[in-house]
PDB file of N, CA and C in Angstrom:
ATOM      1  N   MET A   1      31.546   2.486  19.327  1.00  0.00           N
ATOM      2  CA  MET A   1      30.678   2.817  18.224  1.00  0.00           C
ATOM      3  C   MET A   1      29.689   1.677  18.026  1.00  0.00           C
ATOM      4  N   SER A   2      28.393   2.002  18.036  1.00  0.00           N
ATOM      5  CA  SER A   2      27.375   0.974  17.908  1.00  0.00           C
ATOM      6  C   SER A   2      27.099   0.682  16.438  1.00  0.00           C
ATOM      7  N   LYS A   3      26.919  -0.574  16.179  1.00  0.00           N
ATOM      8  CA  LYS A   3      26.625  -0.997  14.814  1.00  0.00           C
ATOM      9  C   LYS A   3      25.120  -1.215  14.690  1.00  0.00           C
ATOM     10  N   ARG A   4      24.488  -0.553  13.730  1.00  0.00           N
ATOM     11  CA  ARG A   4      23.045  -0.686  13.520  1.00  0.00           C
ATOM     12  C   ARG A   4      22.790  -1.739  12.455  1.00  0.00           C
ATOM     13  N   ASN A   5      21.822  -2.566  12.717  1.00  0.00           N
ATOM     14  CA  ASN A   5      21.453  -3.594  11.763  1.00  0.00           C
ATOM     15  C   ASN A   5      20.033  -3.310  11.269  1.00  0.00           C
ATOM     16  N   HIS A   6      19.939  -2.637  10.140  1.00  0.00           N
ATOM     17  CA  HIS A   6      18.632  -2.320   9.570  1.00  0.00           C
ATOM     18  C   HIS A   6      18.240  -3.418   8.592  1.00  0.00           C
ATOM     19  N   LEU A   7      16.963  -3.697   8.549  1.00  0.00           N
ATOM     20  CA  LEU A   7      16.480  -4.750   7.677  1.00  0.00           C
ATOM     21  C   LEU A   7      16.283  -4.287   6.240  1.00  0.00           C
ATOM     22  N   SER A   8      16.026  -3.010   6.032  1.00  0.00           N
ATOM     23  CA  SER A   8      15.811  -2.520   4.679  1.00  0.00           C
ATOM     24  C   SER A   8      16.973  -1.625   4.257  1.00  0.00           C
ATOM     25  N   PRO A   9      17.217  -1.533   2.956  1.00  0.00           N
ATOM     26  CA  PRO A   9      18.313  -0.703   2.463  1.00  0.00           C
ATOM     27  C   PRO A   9      18.109   0.780   2.801  1.00  0.00           C
ATOM     28  N   ARG A  10      19.179   1.501   2.805  1.00  0.00           N
ATOM     29  CA  ARG A  10      19.159   2.913   3.189  1.00  0.00           C
ATOM     30  C   ARG A  10      18.248   3.738   2.283  1.00  0.00           C
ATOM     31  N   TYR A  11      18.302   3.494   0.993  1.00  0.00           N
ATOM     32  CA  TYR A  11      17.510   4.298   0.065  1.00  0.00           C
ATOM     33  C   TYR A  11      16.012   4.077   0.234  1.00  0.00           C
ATOM     34  N   LYS A  12      15.600   2.984   0.858  1.00  0.00           N
ATOM     35  CA  LYS A  12      14.178   2.765   1.123  1.00  0.00           C
ATOM     36  C   LYS A  12      13.736   3.446   2.414  1.00  0.00           C
ATOM     37  N   ARG A  13      14.682   3.860   3.242  1.00  0.00           N
ATOM     38  CA  ARG A  13      14.366   4.524   4.499  1.00  0.00           C
ATOM     39  C   ARG A  13      14.534   6.039   4.419  1.00  0.00           C
ATOM     40  N   MET A  14      14.880   6.559   3.255  1.00  0.00           N
ATOM     41  CA  MET A  14      15.135   7.997   3.098  1.00  0.00           C
ATOM     42  C   MET A  14      13.866   8.819   3.231  1.00  0.00           C
ATOM     43  N   LYS A  15      14.034  10.026   3.736  1.00  0.00           N
ATOM     44  CA  LYS A  15      12.952  10.998   3.800  1.00  0.00           C
ATOM     45  C   LYS A  15      13.014  11.880   2.554  1.00  0.00           C
ATOM     46  N   GLY A  16      12.063  12.783   2.418  1.00  0.00           N
ATOM     47  CA  GLY A  16      11.870  13.581   1.214  1.00  0.00           C
ATOM     48  C   GLY A  16      13.087  14.238   0.609  1.00  0.00           C
ATOM     49  N   GLN A  17      13.758  15.119   1.346  1.00  0.00           N
ATOM     50  CA  GLN A  17      14.872  15.889   0.774  1.00  0.00           C
ATOM     51  C   GLN A  17      16.046  15.002   0.387  1.00  0.00           C
ATOM     52  N   SER A  18      16.397  14.065   1.240  1.00  0.00           N
ATOM     53  CA  SER A  18      17.527  13.194   0.903  1.00  0.00           C
ATOM     54  C   SER A  18      17.165  12.272  -0.260  1.00  0.00           C
ATOM     55  N   ARG A  19      15.903  11.909  -0.363  1.00  0.00           N
ATOM     56  CA  ARG A  19      15.453  11.076  -1.479  1.00  0.00           C
ATOM     57  C   ARG A  19      15.559  11.854  -2.791  1.00  0.00           C
ATOM     58  N   LEU A  20      15.219  13.135  -2.760  1.00  0.00           N
ATOM     59  CA  LEU A  20      15.317  13.955  -3.969  1.00  0.00           C
ATOM     60  C   LEU A  20      16.766  14.094  -4.427  1.00  0.00           C
ATOM     61  N   GLN A  21      17.692  14.231  -3.476  1.00  0.00           N
ATOM     62  CA  GLN A  21      19.107  14.320  -3.837  1.00  0.00           C
ATOM     63  C   GLN A  21      19.611  13.008  -4.423  1.00  0.00           C
ATOM     64  N   ALA A  22      19.223  11.903  -3.820  1.00  0.00           N
ATOM     65  CA  ALA A  22      19.653  10.595  -4.309  1.00  0.00           C
ATOM     66  C   ALA A  22      18.988  10.255  -5.638  1.00  0.00           C
ATOM     67  N   ALA A  23      17.817  10.789  -5.865  1.00  0.00           N
ATOM     68  CA  ALA A  23      17.070  10.482  -7.085  1.00  0.00           C
ATOM     69  C   ALA A  23      17.779  10.995  -8.327  1.00  0.00           C
ATOM     70  N   LYS A  24      18.484  12.085  -8.208  1.00  0.00           N
ATOM     71  CA  LYS A  24      19.197  12.630  -9.369  1.00  0.00           C
ATOM     72  C   LYS A  24      20.252  11.647  -9.865  1.00  0.00           C
ATOM     73  N   ALA A  25      20.983  11.046  -8.947  1.00  0.00           N
ATOM     74  CA  ALA A  25      21.996  10.062  -9.332  1.00  0.00           C
ATOM     75  C   ALA A  25      21.335   8.777  -9.826  1.00  0.00           C
ATOM     76  N   TRP A  26      20.251   8.377  -9.178  1.00  0.00           N
ATOM     77  CA  TRP A  26      19.529   7.169  -9.579  1.00  0.00           C
ATOM     78  C   TRP A  26      18.959   7.323 -10.987  1.00  0.00           C
ATOM     79  N   LEU A  27      18.452   8.514 -11.278  1.00  0.00           N
ATOM     80  CA  LEU A  27      17.828   8.793 -12.562  1.00  0.00           C
ATOM     81  C   LEU A  27      18.827   8.643 -13.711  1.00  0.00           C
ATOM     82  N   ALA A  28      20.070   9.035 -13.469  1.00  0.00           N
ATOM     83  CA  ALA A  28      21.087   8.966 -14.516  1.00  0.00           C
ATOM     84  C   ALA A  28      21.398   7.525 -14.925  1.00  0.00           C
ATOM     85  N   ARG A  29      21.232   6.584 -14.011  1.00  0.00           N
ATOM     86  CA  ARG A  29      21.575   5.201 -14.332  1.00  0.00           C
ATOM     87  C   ARG A  29      20.361   4.266 -14.400  1.00  0.00           C
ATOM     88  N   TYR A  30      19.140   4.817 -14.439  1.00  0.00           N
ATOM     89  CA  TYR A  30      17.940   3.990 -14.503  1.00  0.00           C
ATOM     90  C   TYR A  30      17.755   3.442 -15.911  1.00  0.00           C
ATOM     91  N   PRO A  31      17.710   2.105 -16.073  1.00  0.00           N
ATOM     92  CA  PRO A  31      17.616   1.520 -17.403  1.00  0.00           C
ATOM     93  C   PRO A  31      16.183   1.217 -17.869  1.00  0.00           C
ATOM     94  N   GLY A  32      15.208   1.303 -16.996  1.00  0.00           N
ATOM     95  CA  GLY A  32      13.852   0.864 -17.313  1.00  0.00           C
ATOM     96  C   GLY A  32      13.070   1.826 -18.188  1.00  0.00           C
ATOM     97  N   LYS A  33      11.845   1.396 -18.523  1.00  0.00           N
ATOM     98  CA  LYS A  33      10.975   2.187 -19.379  1.00  0.00           C
ATOM     99  C   LYS A  33      10.013   3.052 -18.569  1.00  0.00           C
ATOM    100  N   ASN A  34       9.425   2.500 -17.531  1.00  0.00           N
ATOM    101  CA  ASN A  34       8.441   3.232 -16.727  1.00  0.00           C
ATOM    102  C   ASN A  34       9.150   3.838 -15.514  1.00  0.00           C
ATOM    103  N   ILE A  35       9.490   5.094 -15.616  1.00  0.00           N
ATOM    104  CA  ILE A  35      10.288   5.745 -14.586  1.00  0.00           C
ATOM    105  C   ILE A  35       9.516   5.914 -13.279  1.00  0.00           C
ATOM    106  N   VAL A  36       8.208   6.123 -13.350  1.00  0.00           N
ATOM    107  CA  VAL A  36       7.396   6.289 -12.141  1.00  0.00           C
ATOM    108  C   VAL A  36       7.376   4.986 -11.347  1.00  0.00           C
ATOM    109  N   LYS A  37       7.152   3.899 -12.042  1.00  0.00           N
ATOM    110  CA  LYS A  37       7.129   2.588 -11.385  1.00  0.00           C
ATOM    111  C   LYS A  37       8.499   2.258 -10.789  1.00  0.00           C
ATOM    112  N   GLY A  38       9.546   2.526 -11.529  1.00  0.00           N
ATOM    113  CA  GLY A  38      10.898   2.263 -11.044  1.00  0.00           C
ATOM    114  C   GLY A  38      11.243   3.088  -9.824  1.00  0.00           C
ATOM    115  N   TYR A  39      10.902   4.377  -9.855  1.00  0.00           N
ATOM    116  CA  TYR A  39      11.160   5.263  -8.715  1.00  0.00           C
ATOM    117  C   TYR A  39      10.370   4.798  -7.504  1.00  0.00           C
ATOM    118  N   SER A  40       9.122   4.442  -7.718  1.00  0.00           N
ATOM    119  CA  SER A  40       8.257   3.992  -6.641  1.00  0.00           C
ATOM    120  C   SER A  40       8.810   2.731  -5.979  1.00  0.00           C
ATOM    121  N   ARG A  41       9.267   1.797  -6.757  1.00  0.00           N
ATOM    122  CA  ARG A  41       9.800   0.552  -6.216  1.00  0.00           C
ATOM    123  C   ARG A  41      11.162   0.758  -5.560  1.00  0.00           C
ATOM    124  N   HIS A  42      12.028   1.553  -6.186  1.00  0.00           N
ATOM    125  CA  HIS A  42      13.375   1.742  -5.659  1.00  0.00           C
ATOM    126  C   HIS A  42      13.366   2.458  -4.314  1.00  0.00           C
ATOM    127  N   PHE A  43      12.594   3.529  -4.231  1.00  0.00           N
ATOM    128  CA  PHE A  43      12.575   4.331  -3.005  1.00  0.00           C
ATOM    129  C   PHE A  43      11.425   3.964  -2.063  1.00  0.00           C
ATOM    130  N   ALA A  44      10.624   2.970  -2.415  1.00  0.00           N
ATOM    131  CA  ALA A  44       9.523   2.473  -1.579  1.00  0.00           C
ATOM    132  C   ALA A  44       8.544   3.588  -1.225  1.00  0.00           C
ATOM    133  N   VAL A  45       8.062   4.278  -2.252  1.00  0.00           N
ATOM    134  CA  VAL A  45       7.059   5.322  -2.059  1.00  0.00           C
ATOM    135  C   VAL A  45       5.848   5.008  -2.930  1.00  0.00           C
ATOM    136  N   HIS A  46       4.750   5.678  -2.641  1.00  0.00           N
ATOM    137  CA  HIS A  46       3.509   5.551  -3.395  1.00  0.00           C
ATOM    138  C   HIS A  46       3.744   6.114  -4.794  1.00  0.00           C
ATOM    139  N   LYS A  47       3.050   5.596  -5.798  1.00  0.00           N
ATOM    140  CA  LYS A  47       3.265   6.058  -7.169  1.00  0.00           C
ATOM    141  C   LYS A  47       2.921   7.525  -7.354  1.00  0.00           C
ATOM    142  N   LEU A  48       1.915   8.009  -6.635  1.00  0.00           N
ATOM    143  CA  LEU A  48       1.572   9.425  -6.738  1.00  0.00           C
ATOM    144  C   LEU A  48       2.681  10.287  -6.134  1.00  0.00           C
ATOM    145  N   CYS A  49       3.270   9.810  -5.057  1.00  0.00           N
ATOM    146  CA  CYS A  49       4.418  10.500  -4.456  1.00  0.00           C
ATOM    147  C   CYS A  49       5.590  10.499  -5.437  1.00  0.00           C
ATOM    148  N   ALA A  50       5.788   9.390  -6.123  1.00  0.00           N
ATOM    149  CA  ALA A  50       6.861   9.296  -7.109  1.00  0.00           C
ATOM    150  C   ALA A  50       6.656  10.320  -8.223  1.00  0.00           C
ATOM    151  N   VAL A  51       5.418  10.473  -8.676  1.00  0.00           N
ATOM    152  CA  VAL A  51       5.116  11.443  -9.727  1.00  0.00           C
ATOM    153  C   VAL A  51       5.469  12.856  -9.263  1.00  0.00           C
ATOM    154  N   ILE A  52       5.040  13.200  -8.063  1.00  0.00           N
ATOM    155  CA  ILE A  52       5.289  14.543  -7.528  1.00  0.00           C
ATOM    156  C   ILE A  52       6.782  14.808  -7.403  1.00  0.00           C
ATOM    157  N   GLU A  53       7.511  13.845  -6.842  1.00  0.00           N
ATOM    158  CA  GLU A  53       8.942  14.045  -6.642  1.00  0.00           C
ATOM    159  C   GLU A  53       9.700  14.080  -7.963  1.00  0.00           C
ATOM    160  N   LEU A  54       9.293  13.279  -8.926  1.00  0.00           N
ATOM    161  CA  LEU A  54       9.951  13.331 -10.233  1.00  0.00           C
ATOM    162  C   LEU A  54       9.689  14.662 -10.929  1.00  0.00           C
ATOM    163  N   GLN A  55       8.494  15.216 -10.744  1.00  0.00           N
ATOM    164  CA  GLN A  55       8.206  16.531 -11.321  1.00  0.00           C
ATOM    165  C   GLN A  55       9.046  17.607 -10.645  1.00  0.00           C
ATOM    166  N   ILE A  56       9.288  17.477  -9.346  1.00  0.00           N
ATOM    167  CA  ILE A  56      10.129  18.439  -8.636  1.00  0.00           C
ATOM    168  C   ILE A  56      11.542  18.411  -9.207  1.00  0.00           C
ATOM    169  N   ILE A  57      12.031  17.217  -9.509  1.00  0.00           N
ATOM    170  CA  ILE A  57      13.383  17.073 -10.064  1.00  0.00           C
ATOM    171  C   ILE A  57      13.448  17.655 -11.476  1.00  0.00           C
ATOM    172  N   GLY A  58      12.326  17.634 -12.179  1.00  0.00           N
ATOM    173  CA  GLY A  58      12.298  18.191 -13.525  1.00  0.00           C
ATOM    174  C   GLY A  58      12.022  17.163 -14.607  1.00  0.00           C
ATOM    175  N   VAL A  59      11.566  15.997 -14.230  1.00  0.00           N
ATOM    176  CA  VAL A  59      11.239  14.961 -15.209  1.00  0.00           C
ATOM    177  C   VAL A  59       9.837  15.245 -15.754  1.00  0.00           C
ATOM    178  N   PRO A  60       9.683  15.362 -17.066  1.00  0.00           N
ATOM    179  CA  PRO A  60       8.350  15.605 -17.625  1.00  0.00           C
ATOM    180  C   PRO A  60       7.509  14.322 -17.583  1.00  0.00           C
ATOM    181  N   ILE A  61       6.305  14.437 -17.028  1.00  0.00           N
ATOM    182  CA  ILE A  61       5.393  13.300 -16.947  1.00  0.00           C
ATOM    183  C   ILE A  61       4.073  13.714 -17.591  1.00  0.00           C
ATOM    184  N   ASP A  62       3.561  12.882 -18.451  1.00  0.00           N
ATOM    185  CA  ASP A  62       2.341  13.158 -19.200  1.00  0.00           C
ATOM    186  C   ASP A  62       1.151  13.284 -18.246  1.00  0.00           C
ATOM    187  N   SER A  63       0.339  14.309 -18.436  1.00  0.00           N
ATOM    188  CA  SER A  63      -0.811  14.538 -17.553  1.00  0.00           C
ATOM    189  C   SER A  63      -1.864  13.442 -17.688  1.00  0.00           C
ATOM    190  N   SER A  64      -1.957  12.835 -18.875  1.00  0.00           N
ATOM    191  CA  SER A  64      -2.913  11.738 -19.032  1.00  0.00           C
ATOM    192  C   SER A  64      -2.492  10.525 -18.199  1.00  0.00           C
ATOM    193  N   TYR A  65      -1.183  10.303 -18.072  1.00  0.00           N
ATOM    194  CA  TYR A  65      -0.674   9.214 -17.235  1.00  0.00           C
ATOM    195  C   TYR A  65      -1.030   9.470 -15.771  1.00  0.00           C
ATOM    196  N   ILE A  66      -0.923  10.712 -15.338  1.00  0.00           N
ATOM    197  CA  ILE A  66      -1.232  11.071 -13.950  1.00  0.00           C
ATOM    198  C   ILE A  66      -2.716  10.846 -13.674  1.00  0.00           C
ATOM    199  N   GLU A  67      -3.578  11.269 -14.597  1.00  0.00           N
ATOM    200  CA  GLU A  67      -5.015  11.067 -14.422  1.00  0.00           C
ATOM    201  C   GLU A  67      -5.373   9.584 -14.398  1.00  0.00           C
ATOM    202  N   LYS A  68      -4.747   8.817 -15.274  1.00  0.00           N
ATOM    203  CA  LYS A  68      -4.974   7.375 -15.309  1.00  0.00           C
ATOM    204  C   LYS A  68      -4.538   6.742 -13.983  1.00  0.00           C
ATOM    205  N   LEU A  69      -3.424   7.190 -13.448  1.00  0.00           N
ATOM    206  CA  LEU A  69      -2.916   6.686 -12.172  1.00  0.00           C
ATOM    207  C   LEU A  69      -3.876   7.021 -11.036  1.00  0.00           C
ATOM    208  N   LYS A  70      -4.400   8.238 -11.034  1.00  0.00           N
ATOM    209  CA  LYS A  70      -5.350   8.644  -9.989  1.00  0.00           C
ATOM    210  C   LYS A  70      -6.629   7.819 -10.056  1.00  0.00           C
ATOM    211  N   ARG A  71      -7.143   7.593 -11.265  1.00  0.00           N
ATOM    212  CA  ARG A  71      -8.348   6.759 -11.418  1.00  0.00           C
ATOM    213  C   ARG A  71      -8.092   5.339 -10.937  1.00  0.00           C
ATOM    214  N   SER A  72      -6.939   4.826 -11.262  1.00  0.00           N
ATOM    215  CA  SER A  72      -6.578   3.474 -10.849  1.00  0.00           C
ATOM    216  C   SER A  72      -6.498   3.372  -9.324  1.00  0.00           C
ATOM    217  N   LEU A  73      -5.897   4.356  -8.685  1.00  0.00           N
ATOM    218  CA  LEU A  73      -5.779   4.346  -7.226  1.00  0.00           C
ATOM    219  C   LEU A  73      -7.145   4.470  -6.553  1.00  0.00           C
ATOM    220  N   LYS A  74      -8.038   5.270  -7.150  1.00  0.00           N
ATOM    221  CA  LYS A  74      -9.397   5.384  -6.605  1.00  0.00           C
ATOM    222  C   LYS A  74     -10.140   4.062  -6.741  1.00  0.00           C
ATOM    223  N   ALA A  75      -9.967   3.380  -7.866  1.00  0.00           N
ATOM    224  CA  ALA A  75     -10.631   2.094  -8.073  1.00  0.00           C
ATOM    225  C   ALA A  75     -10.132   1.045  -7.083  1.00  0.00           C
ATOM    226  N   VAL A  76      -8.844   1.053  -6.822  1.00  0.00           N
ATOM    227  CA  VAL A  76      -8.279   0.115  -5.857  1.00  0.00           C
ATOM    228  C   VAL A  76      -8.811   0.407  -4.459  1.00  0.00           C
ATOM    229  N   ALA A  77      -8.881   1.680  -4.098  1.00  0.00           N
ATOM    230  CA  ALA A  77      -9.397   2.055  -2.784  1.00  0.00           C
ATOM    231  C   ALA A  77     -10.866   1.675  -2.638  1.00  0.00           C
ATOM    232  N   LYS A  78     -11.632   1.868  -3.703  1.00  0.00           N
ATOM    233  CA  LYS A  78     -13.053   1.512  -3.681  1.00  0.00           C
ATOM    234  C   LYS A  78     -13.228   0.005  -3.526  1.00  0.00           C
ATOM    235  N   ALA A  79     -12.460  -0.769  -4.264  1.00  0.00           N
ATOM    236  CA  ALA A  79     -12.547  -2.232  -4.167  1.00  0.00           C
ATOM    237  C   ALA A  79     -12.158  -2.709  -2.777  1.00  0.00           C
ATOM    238  N   LYS A  80     -11.157  -2.081  -2.205  1.00  0.00           N
ATOM    239  CA  LYS A  80     -10.719  -2.451  -0.854  1.00  0.00           C
ATOM    240  C   LYS A  80     -11.806  -2.137   0.170  1.00  0.00           C
ATOM    241  N   ALA A  81     -12.457  -0.988   0.029  1.00  0.00           N
ATOM    242  CA  ALA A  81     -13.533  -0.613   0.947  1.00  0.00           C
ATOM    243  C   ALA A  81     -14.724  -1.564   0.814  1.00  0.00           C
ATOM    244  N   GLU A  82     -15.060  -1.942  -0.432  1.00  0.00           N
ATOM    245  CA  GLU A  82     -16.161  -2.883  -0.647  1.00  0.00           C
ATOM    246  C   GLU A  82     -15.847  -4.247  -0.037  1.00  0.00           C
ATOM    247  N   LYS A  83     -14.623  -4.687  -0.189  1.00  0.00           N
ATOM    248  CA  LYS A  83     -14.206  -5.968   0.380  1.00  0.00           C
ATOM    249  C   LYS A  83     -14.287  -5.933   1.908  1.00  0.00           C
ATOM    250  N   LYS A  84     -13.873  -4.812   2.489  1.00  0.00           N
ATOM    251  CA  LYS A  84     -13.938  -4.649   3.946  1.00  0.00           C
ATOM    252  C   LYS A  84     -15.391  -4.648   4.415  1.00  0.00           C
ATOM    253  N   GLN A  85     -16.251  -3.951   3.691  1.00  0.00           N
ATOM    254  CA  GLN A  85     -17.669  -3.893   4.051  1.00  0.00           C
ATOM    255  C   GLN A  85     -18.294  -5.284   3.957  1.00  0.00           C
ATOM    256  N   LYS A  86     -17.963  -6.023   2.913  1.00  0.00           N
ATOM    257  CA  LYS A  86     -18.496  -7.376   2.739  1.00  0.00           C
ATOM    258  C   LYS A  86     -18.033  -8.272   3.887  1.00  0.00           C
ATOM    259  N   ARG A  87     -16.775  -8.160   4.263  1.00  0.00           N
ATOM    260  CA  ARG A  87     -16.238  -8.957   5.359  1.00  0.00           C
ATOM    261  C   ARG A  87     -16.925  -8.606   6.673  1.00  0.00           C
ATOM    262  N   GLN A  88     -17.194  -7.320   6.906  1.00  0.00           N
ATOM    263  CA  GLN A  88     -17.882  -6.903   8.129  1.00  0.00           C
ATOM    264  C   GLN A  88     -19.314  -7.420   8.144  1.00  0.00           C
ATOM    265  N   ASN A  89     -19.986  -7.400   6.993  1.00  0.00           N
ATOM    266  CA  ASN A  89     -21.347  -7.924   6.918  1.00  0.00           C
ATOM    267  C   ASN A  89     -21.376  -9.422   7.208  1.00  0.00           C
ATOM    268  N   GLU A  90     -20.399 -10.154   6.724  1.00  0.00           N
ATOM    269  CA  GLU A  90     -20.324 -11.582   6.989  1.00  0.00           C
ATOM    270  C   GLU A  90     -20.070 -11.843   8.473  1.00  0.00           C
ATOM    271  N   ASP A  91     -19.221 -11.048   9.095  1.00  0.00           N
ATOM    272  CA  ASP A  91     -18.932 -11.201  10.517  1.00  0.00           C
ATOM    273  C   ASP A  91     -20.177 -10.935  11.355  1.00  0.00           C
ATOM    274  N   HIS A  92     -20.943  -9.921  10.984  1.00  0.00           N
ATOM    275  CA  HIS A  92     -22.152  -9.585  11.733  1.00  0.00           C
ATOM    276  C   HIS A  92     -23.236 -10.647  11.560  1.00  0.00           C
ATOM    277  N   SER A  93     -23.302 -11.246  10.384  1.00  0.00           N
ATOM    278  CA  SER A  93     -24.319 -12.271  10.167  1.00  0.00           C
ATOM    279  C   SER A  93     -24.020 -13.515  11.007  1.00  0.00           C
ATOM    280  N   GLU A  94     -22.762 -13.811  11.254  1.00  0.00           N
ATOM    281  CA  GLU A  94     -22.403 -14.933  12.112  1.00  0.00           C
ATOM    282  C   GLU A  94     -22.708 -14.635  13.570  1.00  0.00           C
ATOM    283  N   CYS A  95     -22.616 -13.391  13.965  1.00  0.00           N
ATOM    284  CA  CYS A  95     -22.875 -12.997  15.347  1.00  0.00           C
ATOM    285  C   CYS A  95     -24.363 -12.932  15.651  1.00  0.00           C
ATOM    286  N   ASP A  96     -25.209 -12.891  14.632  1.00  0.00           N
ATOM    287  CA  ASP A  96     -26.649 -12.781  14.841  1.00  0.00           C
ATOM    288  C   ASP A  96     -27.296 -14.089  15.283  1.00  0.00           C
ATOM    289  N   MET A  97     -26.561 -15.181  15.274  1.00  0.00           N
ATOM    290  CA  MET A  97     -27.132 -16.456  15.699  1.00  0.00           C
ATOM    291  C   MET A  97     -27.495 -16.387  17.171  1.00  0.00           C
ATOM    292  N   ASP A  98     -28.515 -17.121  17.544  1.00  0.00           N
ATOM    293  CA  ASP A  98     -28.972 -17.122  18.926  1.00  0.00           C
ATOM    294  C   ASP A  98     -27.963 -17.882  19.780  1.00  0.00           C
ATOM    295  N   GLY A  99     -27.381 -17.210  20.723  1.00  0.00           N
ATOM    296  CA  GLY A  99     -26.354 -17.801  21.567  1.00  0.00           C
ATOM    297  C   GLY A  99     -26.892 -18.855  22.507  1.00  0.00           C
ATOM    298  N   ASP A 100     -28.168 -18.771  22.914  1.00  0.00           N
ATOM    299  CA  ASP A 100     -28.741 -19.742  23.840  1.00  0.00           C
ATOM    300  C   ASP A 100     -28.812 -21.127  23.219  1.00  0.00           C
ATOM    301  N   GLN A 101     -29.117 -21.204  21.931  1.00  0.00           N
ATOM    302  CA  GLN A 101     -29.199 -22.504  21.273  1.00  0.00           C
ATOM    303  C   GLN A 101     -27.843 -23.197  21.295  1.00  0.00           C
ATOM    304  N   ASN A 102     -26.798 -22.431  21.060  1.00  0.00           N
ATOM    305  CA  ASN A 102     -25.464 -23.023  21.068  1.00  0.00           C
ATOM    306  C   ASN A 102     -25.110 -23.525  22.461  1.00  0.00           C
ATOM    307  N   LEU A 103     -25.467 -22.777  23.500  1.00  0.00           N
ATOM    308  CA  LEU A 103     -25.150 -23.194  24.855  1.00  0.00           C
ATOM    309  C   LEU A 103     -25.957 -24.425  25.248  1.00  0.00           C
ATOM    310  N   GLU A 104     -27.215 -24.478  24.843  1.00  0.00           N
ATOM    311  CA  GLU A 104     -28.027 -25.650  25.158  1.00  0.00           C
ATOM    312  C   GLU A 104     -27.463 -26.890  24.481  1.00  0.00           C
ATOM    313  N   PHE A 105     -27.016 -26.730  23.255  1.00  0.00           N
ATOM    314  CA  PHE A 105     -26.456 -27.846  22.529  1.00  0.00           C
ATOM    315  C   PHE A 105     -25.177 -28.324  23.191  1.00  0.00           C
ATOM    316  N   ILE A 106     -24.335 -27.391  23.556  1.00  0.00           N
ATOM    317  CA  ILE A 106     -23.070 -27.749  24.215  1.00  0.00           C
ATOM    318  C   ILE A 106     -23.344 -28.407  25.554  1.00  0.00           C
ATOM    319  N   ALA A 107     -24.243 -27.815  26.330  1.00  0.00           N
ATOM    320  CA  ALA A 107     -24.566 -28.386  27.637  1.00  0.00           C
ATOM    321  C   ALA A 107     -25.218 -29.736  27.491  1.00  0.00           C
ATOM    322  N   GLY A 108     -26.068 -29.892  26.497  1.00  0.00           N
ATOM    323  CA  GLY A 108     -26.731 -31.164  26.284  1.00  0.00           C
ATOM    324  C   GLY A 108     -25.750 -32.237  25.839  1.00  0.00           C
ATOM    325  N   SER A 109     -24.741 -31.881  25.055  1.00  0.00           N
ATOM    326  CA  SER A 109     -23.811 -32.898  24.567  1.00  0.00           C
ATOM    327  C   SER A 109     -22.853 -33.333  25.660  1.00  0.00           C
ATOM    328  N   ILE A 110     -22.583 -32.491  26.617  1.00  0.00           N
ATOM    329  CA  ILE A 110     -21.684 -32.848  27.713  1.00  0.00           C
ATOM    330  C   ILE A 110     -22.367 -33.837  28.654  1.00  0.00           C
ATOM    331  N   GLY A 111     -23.643 -33.641  28.895  1.00  0.00           N
ATOM    332  CA  GLY A 111     -24.378 -34.487  29.829  1.00  0.00           C
ATOM    333  C   GLY A 111     -24.612 -35.887  29.298  1.00  0.00           C
ATOM    334  N   ASN A 112     -24.557 -36.120  28.031  1.00  0.00           N
ATOM    335  CA  ASN A 112     -24.860 -37.432  27.456  1.00  0.00           C
ATOM    336  C   ASN A 112     -23.698 -38.340  27.518  1.00  0.00           C
TER     337      ASN A 112
END
């Protein structure tokens, strides 16, 4: 019998159906205030996924909270895209330098 050594706990590696079954037991003993955040962290899923799965189980979640979460996720995605674009622009500006000048300088410094 082979022994498997996984780096993450079993509940973080669960797929949808088994996660929903385990969530019922987890829900009964969850002590926190923000159930979406707790579910997301415990089962290592996205917060929107946590909302959907908690609704499937039957947990009532306020629609204003869901809209706020969606706006927040869009803002994070937008900021990430802007940061990536800025980084790409900086990379391209460094590549626009004339390569011949650098080679002449290097060649000239070696000869001296």
